[in-house]
Amino acid sequence: MPCPPRWGSAWETADRLWGLTSTGDILRSADGGTSWNPAGKLAGQAIVFTANDGAMYASIHERGIFRSTDNGTTWTQLYAQT
């Protein structure tokens, strides 16, 4: 998959690069950014970051805060914005 034209944010973990596109697609690269593979989708404008515990957290506009402990495959909602 070619690199997306518009990045929303990017971050790295010990063995991967991660990107969030402006459309909410989460992409990951295991080869230093040469190739990218889909890793999920977040609905809405989001900010994603990793924490010292190895988890990934996402704050999604008008939806709440989410956590992933499996490299972005699944997300659990921690807080729902009302």
PDB file of N, CA and C in Angstrom:
ATOM      1  N   MET A   1       0.853  -1.168   0.000  1.00  0.00           N
ATOM      2  CA  MET A   1       0.000   0.000   0.000  1.00  0.00           C
ATOM      3  C   MET A   1       0.904   1.237   0.000  1.00  0.00           C
ATOM      4  N   PRO A   2       0.684   2.176  -0.911  1.00  0.00           N
ATOM      5  CA  PRO A   2       1.501   3.385  -0.929  1.00  0.00           C
ATOM      6  C   PRO A   2       1.212   4.260   0.281  1.00  0.00           C
ATOM      7  N   CYS A   3       2.133   5.111   0.594  1.00  0.00           N
ATOM      8  CA  CYS A   3       1.978   6.026   1.713  1.00  0.00           C
ATOM      9  C   CYS A   3       0.767   6.934   1.446  1.00  0.00           C
ATOM     10  N   PRO A   4      -0.113   7.123   2.418  1.00  0.00           N
ATOM     11  CA  PRO A   4      -1.303   7.934   2.196  1.00  0.00           C
ATOM     12  C   PRO A   4      -0.950   9.401   1.977  1.00  0.00           C
ATOM     13  N   PRO A   5      -1.780  10.122   1.237  1.00  0.00           N
ATOM     14  CA  PRO A   5      -1.447  11.505   0.913  1.00  0.00           C
ATOM     15  C   PRO A   5      -1.544  12.469   2.082  1.00  0.00           C
ATOM     16  N   ARG A   6      -2.399  12.198   3.064  1.00  0.00           N
ATOM     17  CA  ARG A   6      -2.580  13.137   4.170  1.00  0.00           C
ATOM     18  C   ARG A   6      -2.506  12.403   5.493  1.00  0.00           C
ATOM     19  N   TRP A   7      -1.468  12.675   6.265  1.00  0.00           N
ATOM     20  CA  TRP A   7      -1.320  12.074   7.592  1.00  0.00           C
ATOM     21  C   TRP A   7      -2.023  12.951   8.612  1.00  0.00           C
ATOM     22  N   GLY A   8      -2.716  12.316   9.557  1.00  0.00           N
ATOM     23  CA  GLY A   8      -3.281  13.028  10.691  1.00  0.00           C
ATOM     24  C   GLY A   8      -2.269  13.080  11.820  1.00  0.00           C
ATOM     25  N   SER A   9      -1.566  11.971  12.039  1.00  0.00           N
ATOM     26  CA  SER A   9      -0.497  11.896  13.030  1.00  0.00           C
ATOM     27  C   SER A   9       0.317  10.643  12.772  1.00  0.00           C
ATOM     28  N   ALA A  10       1.484  10.592  13.374  1.00  0.00           N
ATOM     29  CA  ALA A  10       2.353   9.421  13.243  1.00  0.00           C
ATOM     30  C   ALA A  10       3.070   9.207  14.564  1.00  0.00           C
ATOM     31  N   TRP A  11       3.410   7.950  14.859  1.00  0.00           N
ATOM     32  CA  TRP A  11       4.124   7.616  16.091  1.00  0.00           C
ATOM     33  C   TRP A  11       4.845   6.308  15.874  1.00  0.00           C
ATOM     34  N   GLU A  12       5.672   5.926  16.852  1.00  0.00           N
ATOM     35  CA  GLU A  12       6.396   4.667  16.731  1.00  0.00           C
ATOM     36  C   GLU A  12       6.364   3.891  18.036  1.00  0.00           C
ATOM     37  N   THR A  13       6.438   2.576  17.903  1.00  0.00           N
ATOM     38  CA  THR A  13       6.603   1.682  19.035  1.00  0.00           C
ATOM     39  C   THR A  13       7.952   0.995  18.840  1.00  0.00           C
ATOM     40  N   ALA A  14       8.286   0.059  19.696  1.00  0.00           N
ATOM     41  CA  ALA A  14       9.613  -0.566  19.647  1.00  0.00           C
ATOM     42  C   ALA A  14       9.944  -1.182  18.296  1.00  0.00           C
ATOM     43  N   ASP A  15       8.955  -1.752  17.609  1.00  0.00           N
ATOM     44  CA  ASP A  15       9.248  -2.466  16.364  1.00  0.00           C
ATOM     45  C   ASP A  15       8.416  -2.033  15.165  1.00  0.00           C
ATOM     46  N   ARG A  16       7.636  -0.967  15.297  1.00  0.00           N
ATOM     47  CA  ARG A  16       6.772  -0.553  14.188  1.00  0.00           C
ATOM     48  C   ARG A  16       6.636   0.956  14.114  1.00  0.00           C
ATOM     49  N   LEU A  17       6.330   1.431  12.911  1.00  0.00           N
ATOM     50  CA  LEU A  17       5.891   2.796  12.707  1.00  0.00           C
ATOM     51  C   LEU A  17       4.380   2.756  12.519  1.00  0.00           C
ATOM     52  N   TRP A  18       3.708   3.783  12.973  1.00  0.00           N
ATOM     53  CA  TRP A  18       2.261   3.845  12.883  1.00  0.00           C
ATOM     54  C   TRP A  18       1.864   5.174  12.267  1.00  0.00           C
ATOM     55  N   GLY A  19       0.766   5.187  11.553  1.00  0.00           N
ATOM     56  CA  GLY A  19       0.245   6.419  10.998  1.00  0.00           C
ATOM     57  C   GLY A  19      -1.263   6.443  11.072  1.00  0.00           C
ATOM     58  N   LEU A  20      -1.782   7.623  11.256  1.00  0.00           N
ATOM     59  CA  LEU A  20      -3.228   7.840  11.250  1.00  0.00           C
ATOM     60  C   LEU A  20      -3.503   8.837  10.138  1.00  0.00           C
ATOM     61  N   THR A  21      -4.318   8.445   9.175  1.00  0.00           N
ATOM     62  CA  THR A  21      -4.625   9.335   8.063  1.00  0.00           C
ATOM     63  C   THR A  21      -5.728  10.310   8.466  1.00  0.00           C
ATOM     64  N   SER A  22      -5.913  11.322   7.649  1.00  0.00           N
ATOM     65  CA  SER A  22      -6.945  12.309   7.917  1.00  0.00           C
ATOM     66  C   SER A  22      -8.354  11.721   7.819  1.00  0.00           C
ATOM     67  N   THR A  23      -8.485  10.538   7.243  1.00  0.00           N
ATOM     68  CA  THR A  23      -9.793   9.874   7.155  1.00  0.00           C
ATOM     69  C   THR A  23     -10.002   8.841   8.253  1.00  0.00           C
ATOM     70  N   GLY A  24      -9.046   8.699   9.192  1.00  0.00           N
ATOM     71  CA  GLY A  24      -9.204   7.791  10.318  1.00  0.00           C
ATOM     72  C   GLY A  24      -8.630   6.408  10.123  1.00  0.00           C
ATOM     73  N   ASP A  25      -7.964   6.154   9.002  1.00  0.00           N
ATOM     74  CA  ASP A  25      -7.340   4.843   8.782  1.00  0.00           C
ATOM     75  C   ASP A  25      -6.052   4.743   9.597  1.00  0.00           C
ATOM     76  N   ILE A  26      -5.886   3.635  10.318  1.00  0.00           N
ATOM     77  CA  ILE A  26      -4.646   3.370  11.043  1.00  0.00           C
ATOM     78  C   ILE A  26      -3.797   2.455  10.173  1.00  0.00           C
ATOM     79  N   LEU A  27      -2.557   2.854   9.917  1.00  0.00           N
ATOM     80  CA  LEU A  27      -1.632   2.068   9.110  1.00  0.00           C
ATOM     81  C   LEU A  27      -0.407   1.749   9.947  1.00  0.00           C
ATOM     82  N   ARG A  28       0.247   0.603   9.654  1.00  0.00           N
ATOM     83  CA  ARG A  28       1.471   0.250  10.363  1.00  0.00           C
ATOM     84  C   ARG A  28       2.510  -0.241   9.369  1.00  0.00           C
ATOM     85  N   SER A  29       3.774   0.008   9.735  1.00  0.00           N
ATOM     86  CA  SER A  29       4.890  -0.417   8.899  1.00  0.00           C
ATOM     87  C   SER A  29       5.901  -1.137   9.776  1.00  0.00           C
ATOM     88  N   ALA A  30       6.327  -2.300   9.334  1.00  0.00           N
ATOM     89  CA  ALA A  30       7.336  -3.073  10.060  1.00  0.00           C
ATOM     90  C   ALA A  30       8.689  -3.004   9.359  1.00  0.00           C
ATOM     91  N   ASP A  31       8.785  -2.207   8.285  1.00  0.00           N
ATOM     92  CA  ASP A  31      10.045  -2.129   7.537  1.00  0.00           C
ATOM     93  C   ASP A  31      10.556  -0.692   7.398  1.00  0.00           C
ATOM     94  N   GLY A  32      10.354   0.092   8.441  1.00  0.00           N
ATOM     95  CA  GLY A  32      10.875   1.456   8.447  1.00  0.00           C
ATOM     96  C   GLY A  32      10.135   2.421   7.553  1.00  0.00           C
ATOM     97  N   GLY A  33       8.919   2.101   7.151  1.00  0.00           N
ATOM     98  CA  GLY A  33       8.104   2.997   6.345  1.00  0.00           C
ATOM     99  C   GLY A  33       8.134   2.719   4.856  1.00  0.00           C
ATOM    100  N   THR A  34       8.837   1.672   4.426  1.00  0.00           N
ATOM    101  CA  THR A  34       8.858   1.320   3.010  1.00  0.00           C
ATOM    102  C   THR A  34       7.486   0.871   2.530  1.00  0.00           C
ATOM    103  N   SER A  35       6.809   0.060   3.330  1.00  0.00           N
ATOM    104  CA  SER A  35       5.456  -0.378   2.989  1.00  0.00           C
ATOM    105  C   SER A  35       4.553  -0.200   4.205  1.00  0.00           C
ATOM    106  N   TRP A  36       3.273  -0.034   3.922  1.00  0.00           N
ATOM    107  CA  TRP A  36       2.281   0.208   4.968  1.00  0.00           C
ATOM    108  C   TRP A  36       1.122  -0.763   4.806  1.00  0.00           C
ATOM    109  N   ASN A  37       0.584  -1.240   5.940  1.00  0.00           N
ATOM    110  CA  ASN A  37      -0.539  -2.167   5.934  1.00  0.00           C
ATOM    111  C   ASN A  37      -1.652  -1.634   6.824  1.00  0.00           C
ATOM    112  N   PRO A  38      -2.910  -1.856   6.446  1.00  0.00           N
ATOM    113  CA  PRO A  38      -4.026  -1.411   7.277  1.00  0.00           C
ATOM    114  C   PRO A  38      -3.993  -2.091   8.643  1.00  0.00           C
ATOM    115  N   ALA A  39      -4.314  -1.329   9.679  1.00  0.00           N
ATOM    116  CA  ALA A  39      -4.346  -1.877  11.028  1.00  0.00           C
ATOM    117  C   ALA A  39      -5.633  -1.516  11.756  1.00  0.00           C
ATOM    118  N   GLY A  40      -6.559  -0.893  11.076  1.00  0.00           N
ATOM    119  CA  GLY A  40      -7.817  -0.544  11.712  1.00  0.00           C
ATOM    120  C   GLY A  40      -8.331   0.785  11.213  1.00  0.00           C
ATOM    121  N   LYS A  41      -9.427   1.217  11.782  1.00  0.00           N
ATOM    122  CA  LYS A  41     -10.038   2.486  11.394  1.00  0.00           C
ATOM    123  C   LYS A  41     -10.686   3.107  12.614  1.00  0.00           C
ATOM    124  N   LEU A  42     -10.485   4.405  12.765  1.00  0.00           N
ATOM    125  CA  LEU A  42     -11.131   5.167  13.821  1.00  0.00           C
ATOM    126  C   LEU A  42     -12.094   6.135  13.159  1.00  0.00           C
ATOM    127  N   ALA A  43     -13.318   6.189  13.650  1.00  0.00           N
ATOM    128  CA  ALA A  43     -14.317   7.084  13.072  1.00  0.00           C
ATOM    129  C   ALA A  43     -14.219   8.444  13.737  1.00  0.00           C
ATOM    130  N   GLY A  44     -13.930   9.469  12.968  1.00  0.00           N
ATOM    131  CA  GLY A  44     -13.850  10.821  13.489  1.00  0.00           C
ATOM    132  C   GLY A  44     -12.423  11.308  13.596  1.00  0.00           C
ATOM    133  N   GLN A  45     -12.269  12.568  13.929  1.00  0.00           N
ATOM    134  CA  GLN A  45     -10.949  13.161  14.099  1.00  0.00           C
ATOM    135  C   GLN A  45     -10.330  12.596  15.365  1.00  0.00           C
ATOM    136  N   ALA A  46      -9.083  12.122  15.262  1.00  0.00           N
ATOM    137  CA  ALA A  46      -8.471  11.430  16.398  1.00  0.00           C
ATOM    138  C   ALA A  46      -7.034  11.856  16.613  1.00  0.00           C
ATOM    139  N   ILE A  47      -6.600  11.698  17.848  1.00  0.00           N
ATOM    140  CA  ILE A  47      -5.202  11.821  18.224  1.00  0.00           C
ATOM    141  C   ILE A  47      -4.839  10.485  18.859  1.00  0.00           C
ATOM    142  N   VAL A  48      -3.780   9.852  18.377  1.00  0.00           N
ATOM    143  CA  VAL A  48      -3.371   8.543  18.884  1.00  0.00           C
ATOM    144  C   VAL A  48      -1.952   8.647  19.424  1.00  0.00           C
ATOM    145  N   PHE A  49      -1.692   7.991  20.550  1.00  0.00           N
ATOM    146  CA  PHE A  49      -0.342   7.980  21.101  1.00  0.00           C
ATOM    147  C   PHE A  49      -0.106   6.683  21.864  1.00  0.00           C
ATOM    148  N   THR A  50       1.145   6.366  22.083  1.00  0.00           N
ATOM    149  CA  THR A  50       1.498   5.196  22.880  1.00  0.00           C
ATOM    150  C   THR A  50       1.910   5.646  24.271  1.00  0.00           C
ATOM    151  N   ALA A  51       1.802   4.739  25.231  1.00  0.00           N
ATOM    152  CA  ALA A  51       2.149   5.035  26.616  1.00  0.00           C
ATOM    153  C   ALA A  51       3.249   4.090  27.076  1.00  0.00           C
ATOM    154  N   ASN A  52       3.815   4.375  28.227  1.00  0.00           N
ATOM    155  CA  ASN A  52       4.902   3.556  28.771  1.00  0.00           C
ATOM    156  C   ASN A  52       4.489   2.113  29.007  1.00  0.00           C
ATOM    157  N   ASP A  53       3.194   1.858  29.176  1.00  0.00           N
ATOM    158  CA  ASP A  53       2.743   0.483  29.413  1.00  0.00           C
ATOM    159  C   ASP A  53       2.601  -0.313  28.112  1.00  0.00           C
ATOM    160  N   GLY A  54       2.936   0.291  26.962  1.00  0.00           N
ATOM    161  CA  GLY A  54       2.873  -0.402  25.681  1.00  0.00           C
ATOM    162  C   GLY A  54       1.527  -0.320  24.998  1.00  0.00           C
ATOM    163  N   ALA A  55       0.546   0.235  25.670  1.00  0.00           N
ATOM    164  CA  ALA A  55      -0.788   0.375  25.080  1.00  0.00           C
ATOM    165  C   ALA A  55      -0.828   1.586  24.156  1.00  0.00           C
ATOM    166  N   MET A  56      -1.812   1.589  23.264  1.00  0.00           N
ATOM    167  CA  MET A  56      -2.070   2.734  22.407  1.00  0.00           C
ATOM    168  C   MET A  56      -3.391   3.351  22.859  1.00  0.00           C
ATOM    169  N   TYR A  57      -3.434   4.676  22.900  1.00  0.00           N
ATOM    170  CA  TYR A  57      -4.629   5.391  23.306  1.00  0.00           C
ATOM    171  C   TYR A  57      -5.063   6.314  22.185  1.00  0.00           C
ATOM    172  N   ALA A  58      -6.374   6.473  22.009  1.00  0.00           N
ATOM    173  CA  ALA A  58      -6.915   7.368  20.993  1.00  0.00           C
ATOM    174  C   ALA A  58      -7.981   8.250  21.625  1.00  0.00           C
ATOM    175  N   SER A  59      -7.867   9.526  21.371  1.00  0.00           N
ATOM    176  CA  SER A  59      -8.901  10.473  21.754  1.00  0.00           C
ATOM    177  C   SER A  59      -9.627  10.856  20.469  1.00  0.00           C
ATOM    178  N   ILE A  60     -10.904  10.517  20.368  1.00  0.00           N
ATOM    179  CA  ILE A  60     -11.667  10.727  19.145  1.00  0.00           C
ATOM    180  C   ILE A  60     -12.737  11.781  19.392  1.00  0.00           C
ATOM    181  N   HIS A  61     -12.696  12.813  18.580  1.00  0.00           N
ATOM    182  CA  HIS A  61     -13.622  13.937  18.707  1.00  0.00           C
ATOM    183  C   HIS A  61     -15.066  13.455  18.725  1.00  0.00           C
ATOM    184  N   GLU A  62     -15.799  13.881  19.726  1.00  0.00           N
ATOM    185  CA  GLU A  62     -17.218  13.585  19.925  1.00  0.00           C
ATOM    186  C   GLU A  62     -17.533  12.115  20.157  1.00  0.00           C
ATOM    187  N   ARG A  63     -16.507  11.280  20.445  1.00  0.00           N
ATOM    188  CA  ARG A  63     -16.760   9.863  20.735  1.00  0.00           C
ATOM    189  C   ARG A  63     -16.191   9.450  22.077  1.00  0.00           C
ATOM    190  N   GLY A  64     -14.972   9.920  22.430  1.00  0.00           N
ATOM    191  CA  GLY A  64     -14.400   9.568  23.717  1.00  0.00           C
ATOM    192  C   GLY A  64     -12.954   9.129  23.626  1.00  0.00           C
ATOM    193  N   ILE A  65     -12.527   8.359  24.622  1.00  0.00           N
ATOM    194  CA  ILE A  65     -11.149   7.879  24.724  1.00  0.00           C
ATOM    195  C   ILE A  65     -11.156   6.361  24.628  1.00  0.00           C
ATOM    196  N   PHE A  66     -10.229   5.821  23.830  1.00  0.00           N
ATOM    197  CA  PHE A  66     -10.146   4.387  23.573  1.00  0.00           C
ATOM    198  C   PHE A  66      -8.735   3.880  23.854  1.00  0.00           C
ATOM    199  N   ARG A  67      -8.605   2.580  24.148  1.00  0.00           N
ATOM    200  CA  ARG A  67      -7.313   1.954  24.415  1.00  0.00           C
ATOM    201  C   ARG A  67      -7.201   0.651  23.626  1.00  0.00           C
ATOM    202  N   SER A  68      -5.997   0.405  23.088  1.00  0.00           N
ATOM    203  CA  SER A  68      -5.708  -0.859  22.417  1.00  0.00           C
ATOM    204  C   SER A  68      -4.474  -1.479  23.053  1.00  0.00           C
ATOM    205  N   THR A  69      -4.571  -2.752  23.386  1.00  0.00           N
ATOM    206  CA  THR A  69      -3.423  -3.469  23.947  1.00  0.00           C
ATOM    207  C   THR A  69      -2.921  -4.545  22.982  1.00  0.00           C
ATOM    208  N   ASP A  70      -3.437  -4.540  21.746  1.00  0.00           N
ATOM    209  CA  ASP A  70      -3.021  -5.539  20.758  1.00  0.00           C
ATOM    210  C   ASP A  70      -2.580  -4.882  19.444  1.00  0.00           C
ATOM    211  N   ASN A  71      -1.811  -3.817  19.587  1.00  0.00           N
ATOM    212  CA  ASN A  71      -1.263  -3.097  18.424  1.00  0.00           C
ATOM    213  C   ASN A  71      -2.322  -2.545  17.489  1.00  0.00           C
ATOM    214  N   GLY A  72      -3.420  -2.073  18.020  1.00  0.00           N
ATOM    215  CA  GLY A  72      -4.434  -1.404  17.224  1.00  0.00           C
ATOM    216  C   GLY A  72      -5.441  -2.303  16.540  1.00  0.00           C
ATOM    217  N   THR A  73      -5.386  -3.605  16.791  1.00  0.00           N
ATOM    218  CA  THR A  73      -6.351  -4.519  16.170  1.00  0.00           C
ATOM    219  C   THR A  73      -7.745  -4.298  16.735  1.00  0.00           C
ATOM    220  N   THR A  74      -7.847  -4.195  18.056  1.00  0.00           N
ATOM    221  CA  THR A  74      -9.128  -3.928  18.701  1.00  0.00           C
ATOM    222  C   THR A  74      -8.970  -2.752  19.660  1.00  0.00           C
ATOM    223  N   TRP A  75     -10.074  -2.064  19.906  1.00  0.00           N
ATOM    224  CA  TRP A  75     -10.080  -0.890  20.785  1.00  0.00           C
ATOM    225  C   TRP A  75     -11.193  -1.025  21.813  1.00  0.00           C
ATOM    226  N   THR A  76     -10.891  -0.632  23.052  1.00  0.00           N
ATOM    227  CA  THR A  76     -11.875  -0.629  24.126  1.00  0.00           C
ATOM    228  C   THR A  76     -12.131   0.814  24.532  1.00  0.00           C
ATOM    229  N   GLN A  77     -13.400   1.180  24.625  1.00  0.00           N
ATOM    230  CA  GLN A  77     -13.732   2.547  25.011  1.00  0.00           C
ATOM    231  C   GLN A  77     -13.565   2.707  26.519  1.00  0.00           C
ATOM    232  N   LEU A  78     -12.777   3.713  26.921  1.00  0.00           N
ATOM    233  CA  LEU A  78     -12.549   3.994  28.338  1.00  0.00           C
ATOM    234  C   LEU A  78     -13.437   5.111  28.840  1.00  0.00           C
ATOM    235  N   TYR A  79     -13.795   6.022  27.958  1.00  0.00           N
ATOM    236  CA  TYR A  79     -14.617   7.166  28.324  1.00  0.00           C
ATOM    237  C   TYR A  79     -15.479   7.530  27.135  1.00  0.00           C
ATOM    238  N   ALA A  80     -16.773   7.714  27.374  1.00  0.00           N
ATOM    239  CA  ALA A  80     -17.681   8.107  26.297  1.00  0.00           C
ATOM    240  C   ALA A  80     -18.036   9.581  26.461  1.00  0.00           C
ATOM    241  N   GLN A  81     -17.831  10.337  25.399  1.00  0.00           N
ATOM    242  CA  GLN A  81     -18.193  11.742  25.425  1.00  0.00           C
ATOM    243  C   GLN A  81     -19.683  11.864  25.172  1.00  0.00           C
ATOM    244  N   THR A  82     -20.344  12.630  26.011  1.00  0.00           N
ATOM    245  CA  THR A  82     -21.793  12.798  25.858  1.00  0.00           C
ATOM    246  C   THR A  82     -22.139  14.196  25.439  1.00  0.00           C
TER     247      THR A  82
END
